[in-house]
Amino acid sequence: MGPACELFGYPGLVAFGQNGSSIPLTLKRETGKAPSTVVLSPGGKASLHFQAGGGSCRRAVEIEITPPNDYHQLRLLANGFAVCGNGTVFGNAVHAGVASP
């Protein structure tokens, strides 16, 4: 097993539509809870939360997340994620553990 890693702050996000092109969005930080350092042991888990505004939506097929202070992206199936209205998406800081939906 490798060493522990540390995360601190807010992730990056890109959403991709049916044809593989990126869906325009503006990622804004939810600042209600200040970020804290998350130390992950090998196999540890961290969570984040994104929420789109209202209005008409474009459903994403995949999303690409960049962890805080990193340059490597993780591409995942979107599982119902959509970019709505003017494209504003709110995201919170990474936190330890698995968040409930």
PDB file of N, CA and C in Angstrom:
ATOM      1  N   MET A   1       0.845  -1.185   0.000  1.00  0.00           N
ATOM      2  CA  MET A   1       0.000   0.000   0.000  1.00  0.00           C
ATOM      3  C   MET A   1       0.884   1.240   0.000  1.00  0.00           C
ATOM      4  N   GLY A   2       0.361   2.277  -0.613  1.00  0.00           N
ATOM      5  CA  GLY A   2       1.100   3.522  -0.722  1.00  0.00           C
ATOM      6  C   GLY A   2       0.925   4.392   0.505  1.00  0.00           C
ATOM      7  N   PRO A   3       1.512   5.559   0.462  1.00  0.00           N
ATOM      8  CA  PRO A   3       1.409   6.488   1.597  1.00  0.00           C
ATOM      9  C   PRO A   3       0.039   7.171   1.642  1.00  0.00           C
ATOM     10  N   ALA A   4      -0.257   7.770   2.782  1.00  0.00           N
ATOM     11  CA  ALA A   4      -1.480   8.565   2.918  1.00  0.00           C
ATOM     12  C   ALA A   4      -1.366   9.796   2.016  1.00  0.00           C
ATOM     13  N   CYS A   5      -2.513  10.373   1.657  1.00  0.00           N
ATOM     14  CA  CYS A   5      -2.494  11.613   0.894  1.00  0.00           C
ATOM     15  C   CYS A   5      -3.367  12.640   1.605  1.00  0.00           C
ATOM     16  N   GLU A   6      -3.110  13.898   1.311  1.00  0.00           N
ATOM     17  CA  GLU A   6      -3.874  14.989   1.919  1.00  0.00           C
ATOM     18  C   GLU A   6      -4.623  15.769   0.850  1.00  0.00           C
ATOM     19  N   LEU A   7      -5.860  16.119   1.167  1.00  0.00           N
ATOM     20  CA  LEU A   7      -6.675  16.973   0.315  1.00  0.00           C
ATOM     21  C   LEU A   7      -7.094  18.184   1.130  1.00  0.00           C
ATOM     22  N   PHE A   8      -7.104  19.338   0.503  1.00  0.00           N
ATOM     23  CA  PHE A   8      -7.572  20.547   1.176  1.00  0.00           C
ATOM     24  C   PHE A   8      -8.183  21.470   0.138  1.00  0.00           C
ATOM     25  N   GLY A   9      -9.442  21.779   0.302  1.00  0.00           N
ATOM     26  CA  GLY A   9     -10.055  22.774  -0.566  1.00  0.00           C
ATOM     27  C   GLY A   9     -11.163  22.232  -1.432  1.00  0.00           C
ATOM     28  N   TYR A  10     -11.300  22.868  -2.593  1.00  0.00           N
ATOM     29  CA  TYR A  10     -12.430  22.653  -3.488  1.00  0.00           C
ATOM     30  C   TYR A  10     -11.978  21.950  -4.761  1.00  0.00           C
ATOM     31  N   PRO A  11     -12.774  21.009  -5.262  1.00  0.00           N
ATOM     32  CA  PRO A  11     -12.424  20.317  -6.499  1.00  0.00           C
ATOM     33  C   PRO A  11     -12.806  21.119  -7.739  1.00  0.00           C
ATOM     34  N   GLY A  12     -12.254  20.731  -8.860  1.00  0.00           N
ATOM     35  CA  GLY A  12     -12.666  21.264 -10.150  1.00  0.00           C
ATOM     36  C   GLY A  12     -13.682  20.321 -10.774  1.00  0.00           C
ATOM     37  N   LEU A  13     -14.465  20.816 -11.727  1.00  0.00           N
ATOM     38  CA  LEU A  13     -15.514  20.011 -12.345  1.00  0.00           C
ATOM     39  C   LEU A  13     -15.682  20.387 -13.811  1.00  0.00           C
ATOM     40  N   VAL A  14     -15.783  19.367 -14.664  1.00  0.00           N
ATOM     41  CA  VAL A  14     -16.171  19.533 -16.061  1.00  0.00           C
ATOM     42  C   VAL A  14     -17.265  18.499 -16.316  1.00  0.00           C
ATOM     43  N   ALA A  15     -18.328  18.904 -17.000  1.00  0.00           N
ATOM     44  CA  ALA A  15     -19.414  17.988 -17.350  1.00  0.00           C
ATOM     45  C   ALA A  15     -19.412  17.778 -18.856  1.00  0.00           C
ATOM     46  N   PHE A  16     -19.713  16.553 -19.282  1.00  0.00           N
ATOM     47  CA  PHE A  16     -19.712  16.213 -20.700  1.00  0.00           C
ATOM     48  C   PHE A  16     -21.089  15.705 -21.112  1.00  0.00           C
ATOM     49  N   GLY A  17     -21.574  16.201 -22.249  1.00  0.00           N
ATOM     50  CA  GLY A  17     -22.879  15.816 -22.776  1.00  0.00           C
ATOM     51  C   GLY A  17     -22.825  14.559 -23.611  1.00  0.00           C
ATOM     52  N   GLN A  18     -23.964  14.237 -24.198  1.00  0.00           N
ATOM     53  CA  GLN A  18     -24.146  13.014 -24.989  1.00  0.00           C
ATOM     54  C   GLN A  18     -23.120  12.880 -26.107  1.00  0.00           C
ATOM     55  N   ASN A  19     -22.765  13.991 -26.749  1.00  0.00           N
ATOM     56  CA  ASN A  19     -21.832  13.928 -27.878  1.00  0.00           C
ATOM     57  C   ASN A  19     -20.363  14.023 -27.455  1.00  0.00           C
ATOM     58  N   GLY A  20     -20.104  14.037 -26.152  1.00  0.00           N
ATOM     59  CA  GLY A  20     -18.734  14.079 -25.654  1.00  0.00           C
ATOM     60  C   GLY A  20     -18.159  15.468 -25.477  1.00  0.00           C
ATOM     61  N   SER A  21     -18.889  16.503 -25.898  1.00  0.00           N
ATOM     62  CA  SER A  21     -18.377  17.868 -25.732  1.00  0.00           C
ATOM     63  C   SER A  21     -18.719  18.378 -24.323  1.00  0.00           C
ATOM     64  N   SER A  22     -17.915  19.293 -23.836  1.00  0.00           N
ATOM     65  CA  SER A  22     -18.142  19.813 -22.491  1.00  0.00           C
ATOM     66  C   SER A  22     -19.377  20.713 -22.463  1.00  0.00           C
ATOM     67  N   ILE A  23     -20.077  20.672 -21.336  1.00  0.00           N
ATOM     68  CA  ILE A  23     -21.250  21.518 -21.118  1.00  0.00           C
ATOM     69  C   ILE A  23     -20.768  22.761 -20.378  1.00  0.00           C
ATOM     70  N   PRO A  24     -21.009  23.962 -20.912  1.00  0.00           N
ATOM     71  CA  PRO A  24     -20.540  25.175 -20.231  1.00  0.00           C
ATOM     72  C   PRO A  24     -21.127  25.280 -18.823  1.00  0.00           C
ATOM     73  N   LEU A  25     -20.249  25.547 -17.854  1.00  0.00           N
ATOM     74  CA  LEU A  25     -20.702  25.748 -16.486  1.00  0.00           C
ATOM     75  C   LEU A  25     -19.761  26.688 -15.761  1.00  0.00           C
ATOM     76  N   THR A  26     -20.278  27.295 -14.713  1.00  0.00           N
ATOM     77  CA  THR A  26     -19.481  28.133 -13.819  1.00  0.00           C
ATOM     78  C   THR A  26     -19.559  27.492 -12.447  1.00  0.00           C
ATOM     79  N   LEU A  27     -18.417  27.075 -11.922  1.00  0.00           N
ATOM     80  CA  LEU A  27     -18.371  26.425 -10.618  1.00  0.00           C
ATOM     81  C   LEU A  27     -18.147  27.474  -9.536  1.00  0.00           C
ATOM     82  N   LYS A  28     -19.090  27.556  -8.604  1.00  0.00           N
ATOM     83  CA  LYS A  28     -18.985  28.506  -7.493  1.00  0.00           C
ATOM     84  C   LYS A  28     -18.844  27.728  -6.194  1.00  0.00           C
ATOM     85  N   ARG A  29     -18.038  28.265  -5.296  1.00  0.00           N
ATOM     86  CA  ARG A  29     -17.778  27.596  -4.021  1.00  0.00           C
ATOM     87  C   ARG A  29     -18.873  27.870  -3.004  1.00  0.00           C
ATOM     88  N   GLU A  30     -19.349  26.800  -2.373  1.00  0.00           N
ATOM     89  CA  GLU A  30     -20.239  26.929  -1.213  1.00  0.00           C
ATOM     90  C   GLU A  30     -19.328  27.252  -0.031  1.00  0.00           C
ATOM     91  N   THR A  31     -19.510  28.391   0.558  1.00  0.00           N
ATOM     92  CA  THR A  31     -18.578  28.830   1.600  1.00  0.00           C
ATOM     93  C   THR A  31     -19.153  28.732   3.006  1.00  0.00           C
ATOM     94  N   GLY A  32     -20.271  28.023   3.176  1.00  0.00           N
ATOM     95  CA  GLY A  32     -20.891  27.893   4.493  1.00  0.00           C
ATOM     96  C   GLY A  32     -20.019  27.165   5.497  1.00  0.00           C
ATOM     97  N   LYS A  33     -19.241  26.199   5.043  1.00  0.00           N
ATOM     98  CA  LYS A  33     -18.344  25.449   5.926  1.00  0.00           C
ATOM     99  C   LYS A  33     -16.932  25.560   5.365  1.00  0.00           C
ATOM    100  N   ALA A  34     -16.019  26.047   6.188  1.00  0.00           N
ATOM    101  CA  ALA A  34     -14.638  26.242   5.741  1.00  0.00           C
ATOM    102  C   ALA A  34     -13.980  24.903   5.431  1.00  0.00           C
ATOM    103  N   PRO A  35     -13.103  24.871   4.428  1.00  0.00           N
ATOM    104  CA  PRO A  35     -12.384  23.631   4.132  1.00  0.00           C
ATOM    105  C   PRO A  35     -11.467  23.237   5.283  1.00  0.00           C
ATOM    106  N   SER A  36     -11.229  21.952   5.411  1.00  0.00           N
ATOM    107  CA  SER A  36     -10.263  21.445   6.379  1.00  0.00           C
ATOM    108  C   SER A  36      -9.434  20.371   5.694  1.00  0.00           C
ATOM    109  N   THR A  37      -8.270  20.090   6.229  1.00  0.00           N
ATOM    110  CA  THR A  37      -7.394  19.089   5.642  1.00  0.00           C
ATOM    111  C   THR A  37      -7.989  17.706   5.857  1.00  0.00           C
ATOM    112  N   VAL A  38      -8.070  16.936   4.780  1.00  0.00           N
ATOM    113  CA  VAL A  38      -8.557  15.561   4.827  1.00  0.00           C
ATOM    114  C   VAL A  38      -7.357  14.667   4.553  1.00  0.00           C
ATOM    115  N   VAL A  39      -7.021  13.798   5.503  1.00  0.00           N
ATOM    116  CA  VAL A  39      -5.922  12.855   5.337  1.00  0.00           C
ATOM    117  C   VAL A  39      -6.530  11.491   5.022  1.00  0.00           C
ATOM    118  N   LEU A  40      -6.162  10.954   3.875  1.00  0.00           N
ATOM    119  CA  LEU A  40      -6.697   9.667   3.440  1.00  0.00           C
ATOM    120  C   LEU A  40      -5.619   8.594   3.498  1.00  0.00           C
ATOM    121  N   SER A  41      -5.880   7.546   4.255  1.00  0.00           N
ATOM    122  CA  SER A  41      -5.023   6.362   4.232  1.00  0.00           C
ATOM    123  C   SER A  41      -5.315   5.630   2.928  1.00  0.00           C
ATOM    124  N   PRO A  42      -4.429   4.740   2.500  1.00  0.00           N
ATOM    125  CA  PRO A  42      -4.731   3.965   1.297  1.00  0.00           C
ATOM    126  C   PRO A  42      -6.094   3.283   1.441  1.00  0.00           C
ATOM    127  N   GLY A  43      -6.946   3.453   0.445  1.00  0.00           N
ATOM    128  CA  GLY A  43      -8.293   2.895   0.476  1.00  0.00           C
ATOM    129  C   GLY A  43      -9.301   3.769   1.204  1.00  0.00           C
ATOM    130  N   GLY A  44      -8.859   4.924   1.740  1.00  0.00           N
ATOM    131  CA  GLY A  44      -9.756   5.835   2.451  1.00  0.00           C
ATOM    132  C   GLY A  44     -10.713   6.523   1.490  1.00  0.00           C
ATOM    133  N   LYS A  45     -11.728   7.170   2.046  1.00  0.00           N
ATOM    134  CA  LYS A  45     -12.753   7.816   1.218  1.00  0.00           C
ATOM    135  C   LYS A  45     -12.939   9.272   1.612  1.00  0.00           C
ATOM    136  N   ALA A  46     -13.217  10.073   0.606  1.00  0.00           N
ATOM    137  CA  ALA A  46     -13.559  11.481   0.800  1.00  0.00           C
ATOM    138  C   ALA A  46     -14.786  11.771  -0.056  1.00  0.00           C
ATOM    139  N   SER A  47     -15.525  12.822   0.288  1.00  0.00           N
ATOM    140  CA  SER A  47     -16.751  13.164  -0.426  1.00  0.00           C
ATOM    141  C   SER A  47     -16.747  14.619  -0.836  1.00  0.00           C
ATOM    142  N   LEU A  48     -17.618  14.924  -1.783  1.00  0.00           N
ATOM    143  CA  LEU A  48     -17.868  16.290  -2.204  1.00  0.00           C
ATOM    144  C   LEU A  48     -19.302  16.344  -2.695  1.00  0.00           C
ATOM    145  N   HIS A  49     -19.817  17.532  -2.874  1.00  0.00           N
ATOM    146  CA  HIS A  49     -21.208  17.689  -3.283  1.00  0.00           C
ATOM    147  C   HIS A  49     -21.303  18.822  -4.292  1.00  0.00           C
ATOM    148  N   PHE A  50     -21.992  18.568  -5.396  1.00  0.00           N
ATOM    149  CA  PHE A  50     -22.266  19.591  -6.392  1.00  0.00           C
ATOM    150  C   PHE A  50     -23.773  19.755  -6.510  1.00  0.00           C
ATOM    151  N   GLN A  51     -24.227  20.980  -6.697  1.00  0.00           N
ATOM    152  CA  GLN A  51     -25.647  21.250  -6.880  1.00  0.00           C
ATOM    153  C   GLN A  51     -25.821  22.299  -7.963  1.00  0.00           C
ATOM    154  N   ALA A  52     -26.684  21.981  -8.921  1.00  0.00           N
ATOM    155  CA  ALA A  52     -26.951  22.900 -10.034  1.00  0.00           C
ATOM    156  C   ALA A  52     -28.136  23.786  -9.714  1.00  0.00           C
ATOM    157  N   GLY A  53     -28.168  24.955 -10.324  1.00  0.00           N
ATOM    158  CA  GLY A  53     -29.292  25.876 -10.169  1.00  0.00           C
ATOM    159  C   GLY A  53     -30.511  25.383 -10.928  1.00  0.00           C
ATOM    160  N   GLY A  54     -31.599  26.146 -10.865  1.00  0.00           N
ATOM    161  CA  GLY A  54     -32.855  25.758 -11.523  1.00  0.00           C
ATOM    162  C   GLY A  54     -32.903  26.181 -12.974  1.00  0.00           C
ATOM    163  N   GLY A  55     -34.013  25.905 -13.619  1.00  0.00           N
ATOM    164  CA  GLY A  55     -34.201  26.256 -15.023  1.00  0.00           C
ATOM    165  C   GLY A  55     -34.089  25.035 -15.898  1.00  0.00           C
ATOM    166  N   SER A  56     -34.060  25.252 -17.211  1.00  0.00           N
ATOM    167  CA  SER A  56     -33.922  24.114 -18.118  1.00  0.00           C
ATOM    168  C   SER A  56     -32.537  23.508 -17.942  1.00  0.00           C
ATOM    169  N   CYS A  57     -32.453  22.207 -18.125  1.00  0.00           N
ATOM    170  CA  CYS A  57     -31.212  21.491 -17.806  1.00  0.00           C
ATOM    171  C   CYS A  57     -30.650  20.743 -19.010  1.00  0.00           C
ATOM    172  N   ARG A  58     -29.339  20.573 -18.993  1.00  0.00           N
ATOM    173  CA  ARG A  58     -28.643  19.692 -19.936  1.00  0.00           C
ATOM    174  C   ARG A  58     -28.057  18.556 -19.116  1.00  0.00           C
ATOM    175  N   ARG A  59     -28.497  17.351 -19.384  1.00  0.00           N
ATOM    176  CA  ARG A  59     -28.037  16.189 -18.633  1.00  0.00           C
ATOM    177  C   ARG A  59     -26.629  15.814 -19.077  1.00  0.00           C
ATOM    178  N   ALA A  60     -25.754  15.603 -18.098  1.00  0.00           N
ATOM    179  CA  ALA A  60     -24.388  15.175 -18.379  1.00  0.00           C
ATOM    180  C   ALA A  60     -24.330  13.647 -18.451  1.00  0.00           C
ATOM    181  N   VAL A  61     -23.462  13.133 -19.309  1.00  0.00           N
ATOM    182  CA  VAL A  61     -23.233  11.697 -19.418  1.00  0.00           C
ATOM    183  C   VAL A  61     -22.052  11.309 -18.541  1.00  0.00           C
ATOM    184  N   GLU A  62     -21.032  12.167 -18.528  1.00  0.00           N
ATOM    185  CA  GLU A  62     -19.847  11.949 -17.698  1.00  0.00           C
ATOM    186  C   GLU A  62     -19.466  13.251 -17.019  1.00  0.00           C
ATOM    187  N   ILE A  63     -18.772  13.134 -15.897  1.00  0.00           N
ATOM    188  CA  ILE A  63     -18.172  14.301 -15.242  1.00  0.00           C
ATOM    189  C   ILE A  63     -16.702  14.006 -15.007  1.00  0.00           C
ATOM    190  N   GLU A  64     -15.926  15.060 -14.982  1.00  0.00           N
ATOM    191  CA  GLU A  64     -14.497  14.952 -14.718  1.00  0.00           C
ATOM    192  C   GLU A  64     -14.198  15.808 -13.499  1.00  0.00           C
ATOM    193  N   ILE A  65     -13.656  15.196 -12.460  1.00  0.00           N
ATOM    194  CA  ILE A  65     -13.369  15.890 -11.202  1.00  0.00           C
ATOM    195  C   ILE A  65     -11.863  15.986 -11.038  1.00  0.00           C
ATOM    196  N   THR A  66     -11.394  17.175 -10.693  1.00  0.00           N
ATOM    197  CA  THR A  66      -9.989  17.381 -10.361  1.00  0.00           C
ATOM    198  C   THR A  66      -9.911  17.616  -8.857  1.00  0.00           C
ATOM    199  N   PRO A  67      -9.234  16.741  -8.117  1.00  0.00           N
ATOM    200  CA  PRO A  67      -9.111  16.948  -6.675  1.00  0.00           C
ATOM    201  C   PRO A  67      -8.390  18.263  -6.371  1.00  0.00           C
ATOM    202  N   PRO A  68      -8.649  18.836  -5.191  1.00  0.00           N
ATOM    203  CA  PRO A  68      -7.963  20.079  -4.820  1.00  0.00           C
ATOM    204  C   PRO A  68      -6.442  19.901  -4.875  1.00  0.00           C
ATOM    205  N   ASN A  69      -5.767  20.929  -5.349  1.00  0.00           N
ATOM    206  CA  ASN A  69      -4.300  20.953  -5.409  1.00  0.00           C
ATOM    207  C   ASN A  69      -3.714  19.802  -6.212  1.00  0.00           C
ATOM    208  N   ASP A  70      -4.398  19.389  -7.255  1.00  0.00           N
ATOM    209  CA  ASP A  70      -3.925  18.291  -8.081  1.00  0.00           C
ATOM    210  C   ASP A  70      -4.146  18.660  -9.550  1.00  0.00           C
ATOM    211  N   TYR A  71      -3.504  17.925 -10.428  1.00  0.00           N
ATOM    212  CA  TYR A  71      -3.644  18.166 -11.856  1.00  0.00           C
ATOM    213  C   TYR A  71      -4.170  16.938 -12.593  1.00  0.00           C
ATOM    214  N   HIS A  72      -4.427  15.857 -11.874  1.00  0.00           N
ATOM    215  CA  HIS A  72      -4.927  14.630 -12.471  1.00  0.00           C
ATOM    216  C   HIS A  72      -6.437  14.564 -12.271  1.00  0.00           C
ATOM    217  N   GLN A  73      -7.155  14.276 -13.345  1.00  0.00           N
ATOM    218  CA  GLN A  73      -8.612  14.229 -13.286  1.00  0.00           C
ATOM    219  C   GLN A  73      -9.106  12.793 -13.147  1.00  0.00           C
ATOM    220  N   LEU A  74     -10.281  12.689 -12.581  1.00  0.00           N
ATOM    221  CA  LEU A  74     -10.975  11.416 -12.475  1.00  0.00           C
ATOM    222  C   LEU A  74     -12.265  11.550 -13.268  1.00  0.00           C
ATOM    223  N   ARG A  75     -12.449  10.704 -14.280  1.00  0.00           N
ATOM    224  CA  ARG A  75     -13.641  10.793 -15.122  1.00  0.00           C
ATOM    225  C   ARG A  75     -14.609   9.689 -14.710  1.00  0.00           C
ATOM    226  N   LEU A  76     -15.864  10.086 -14.468  1.00  0.00           N
ATOM    227  CA  LEU A  76     -16.886   9.175 -13.951  1.00  0.00           C
ATOM    228  C   LEU A  76     -18.174   9.302 -14.745  1.00  0.00           C
ATOM    229  N   LEU A  77     -19.020   8.248 -14.693  1.00  0.00           N
ATOM    230  CA  LEU A  77     -20.366   8.373 -15.233  1.00  0.00           C
ATOM    231  C   LEU A  77     -21.119   9.392 -14.394  1.00  0.00           C
ATOM    232  N   ALA A  78     -21.958  10.195 -15.015  1.00  0.00           N
ATOM    233  CA  ALA A  78     -22.605  11.316 -14.330  1.00  0.00           C
ATOM    234  C   ALA A  78     -23.743  10.901 -13.403  1.00  0.00           C
ATOM    235  N   ASN A  79     -24.352   9.743 -13.597  1.00  0.00           N
ATOM    236  CA  ASN A  79     -25.436   9.270 -12.726  1.00  0.00           C
ATOM    237  C   ASN A  79     -26.502  10.320 -12.445  1.00  0.00           C
ATOM    238  N   GLY A  80     -27.042  10.915 -13.490  1.00  0.00           N
ATOM    239  CA  GLY A  80     -28.147  11.861 -13.335  1.00  0.00           C
ATOM    240  C   GLY A  80     -27.740  13.306 -13.104  1.00  0.00           C
ATOM    241  N   PHE A  81     -26.459  13.628 -13.114  1.00  0.00           N
ATOM    242  CA  PHE A  81     -26.025  15.007 -12.919  1.00  0.00           C
ATOM    243  C   PHE A  81     -26.447  15.851 -14.118  1.00  0.00           C
ATOM    244  N   ALA A  82     -26.914  17.063 -13.852  1.00  0.00           N
ATOM    245  CA  ALA A  82     -27.330  17.968 -14.921  1.00  0.00           C
ATOM    246  C   ALA A  82     -26.833  19.376 -14.629  1.00  0.00           C
ATOM    247  N   VAL A  83     -26.571  20.130 -15.680  1.00  0.00           N
ATOM    248  CA  VAL A  83     -26.224  21.544 -15.583  1.00  0.00           C
ATOM    249  C   VAL A  83     -27.462  22.314 -16.000  1.00  0.00           C
ATOM    250  N   CYS A  84     -27.957  23.177 -15.112  1.00  0.00           N
ATOM    251  CA  CYS A  84     -29.252  23.828 -15.341  1.00  0.00           C
ATOM    252  C   CYS A  84     -29.119  25.348 -15.381  1.00  0.00           C
ATOM    253  N   GLY A  85     -30.186  25.979 -15.897  1.00  0.00           N
ATOM    254  CA  GLY A  85     -30.280  27.438 -15.904  1.00  0.00           C
ATOM    255  C   GLY A  85     -29.115  28.081 -16.614  1.00  0.00           C
ATOM    256  N   ASN A  86     -28.466  29.032 -15.932  1.00  0.00           N
ATOM    257  CA  ASN A  86     -27.353  29.769 -16.535  1.00  0.00           C
ATOM    258  C   ASN A  86     -26.027  29.024 -16.440  1.00  0.00           C
ATOM    259  N   GLY A  87     -26.054  27.781 -15.967  1.00  0.00           N
ATOM    260  CA  GLY A  87     -24.838  26.972 -15.903  1.00  0.00           C
ATOM    261  C   GLY A  87     -24.098  27.062 -14.594  1.00  0.00           C
ATOM    262  N   THR A  88     -24.664  27.750 -13.602  1.00  0.00           N
ATOM    263  CA  THR A  88     -23.993  27.858 -12.309  1.00  0.00           C
ATOM    264  C   THR A  88     -24.150  26.551 -11.537  1.00  0.00           C
ATOM    265  N   VAL A  89     -23.033  26.033 -11.061  1.00  0.00           N
ATOM    266  CA  VAL A  89     -23.015  24.826 -10.233  1.00  0.00           C
ATOM    267  C   VAL A  89     -22.292  25.194  -8.942  1.00  0.00           C
ATOM    268  N   PHE A  90     -22.886  24.839  -7.824  1.00  0.00           N
ATOM    269  CA  PHE A  90     -22.285  25.111  -6.516  1.00  0.00           C
ATOM    270  C   PHE A  90     -21.615  23.845  -6.010  1.00  0.00           C
ATOM    271  N   GLY A  91     -20.418  24.001  -5.461  1.00  0.00           N
ATOM    272  CA  GLY A  91     -19.680  22.849  -4.944  1.00  0.00           C
ATOM    273  C   GLY A  91     -19.102  23.145  -3.582  1.00  0.00           C
ATOM    274  N   ASN A  92     -19.054  22.102  -2.733  1.00  0.00           N
ATOM    275  CA  ASN A  92     -18.475  22.289  -1.410  1.00  0.00           C
ATOM    276  C   ASN A  92     -17.040  21.789  -1.377  1.00  0.00           C
ATOM    277  N   ALA A  93     -16.363  22.075  -0.273  1.00  0.00           N
ATOM    278  CA  ALA A  93     -15.001  21.593  -0.080  1.00  0.00           C
ATOM    279  C   ALA A  93     -15.025  20.087   0.148  1.00  0.00           C
ATOM    280  N   VAL A  94     -13.941  19.428  -0.178  1.00  0.00           N
ATOM    281  CA  VAL A  94     -13.812  17.997   0.064  1.00  0.00           C
ATOM    282  C   VAL A  94     -13.833  17.759   1.574  1.00  0.00           C
ATOM    283  N   HIS A  95     -14.517  16.684   1.992  1.00  0.00           N
ATOM    284  CA  HIS A  95     -14.539  16.325   3.412  1.00  0.00           C
ATOM    285  C   HIS A  95     -14.361  14.811   3.557  1.00  0.00           C
ATOM    286  N   ALA A  96     -13.928  14.398   4.731  1.00  0.00           N
ATOM    287  CA  ALA A  96     -13.640  12.981   4.983  1.00  0.00           C
ATOM    288  C   ALA A  96     -14.918  12.163   5.017  1.00  0.00           C
ATOM    289  N   GLY A  97     -14.799  10.896   4.645  1.00  0.00           N
ATOM    290  CA  GLY A  97     -15.916   9.977   4.735  1.00  0.00           C
ATOM    291  C   GLY A  97     -16.814  10.006   3.520  1.00  0.00           C
ATOM    292  N   VAL A  98     -17.874   9.217   3.591  1.00  0.00           N
ATOM    293  CA  VAL A  98     -18.838   9.119   2.509  1.00  0.00           C
ATOM    294  C   VAL A  98     -20.080   9.905   2.888  1.00  0.00           C
ATOM    295  N   ALA A  99     -20.464  10.838   2.045  1.00  0.00           N
ATOM    296  CA  ALA A  99     -21.649  11.662   2.304  1.00  0.00           C
ATOM    297  C   ALA A  99     -22.905  10.902   1.939  1.00  0.00           C
ATOM    298  N   SER A 100     -23.965  11.125   2.685  1.00  0.00           N
ATOM    299  CA  SER A 100     -25.240  10.542   2.320  1.00  0.00           C
ATOM    300  C   SER A 100     -25.903  11.444   1.289  1.00  0.00           C
ATOM    301  N   PRO A 101     -26.678  10.864   0.369  1.00  0.00           N
ATOM    302  CA  PRO A 101     -27.290  11.665  -0.706  1.00  0.00           C
ATOM    303  C   PRO A 101     -28.304  12.667  -0.200  1.00  0.00           C
TER     304      PRO A 101
END
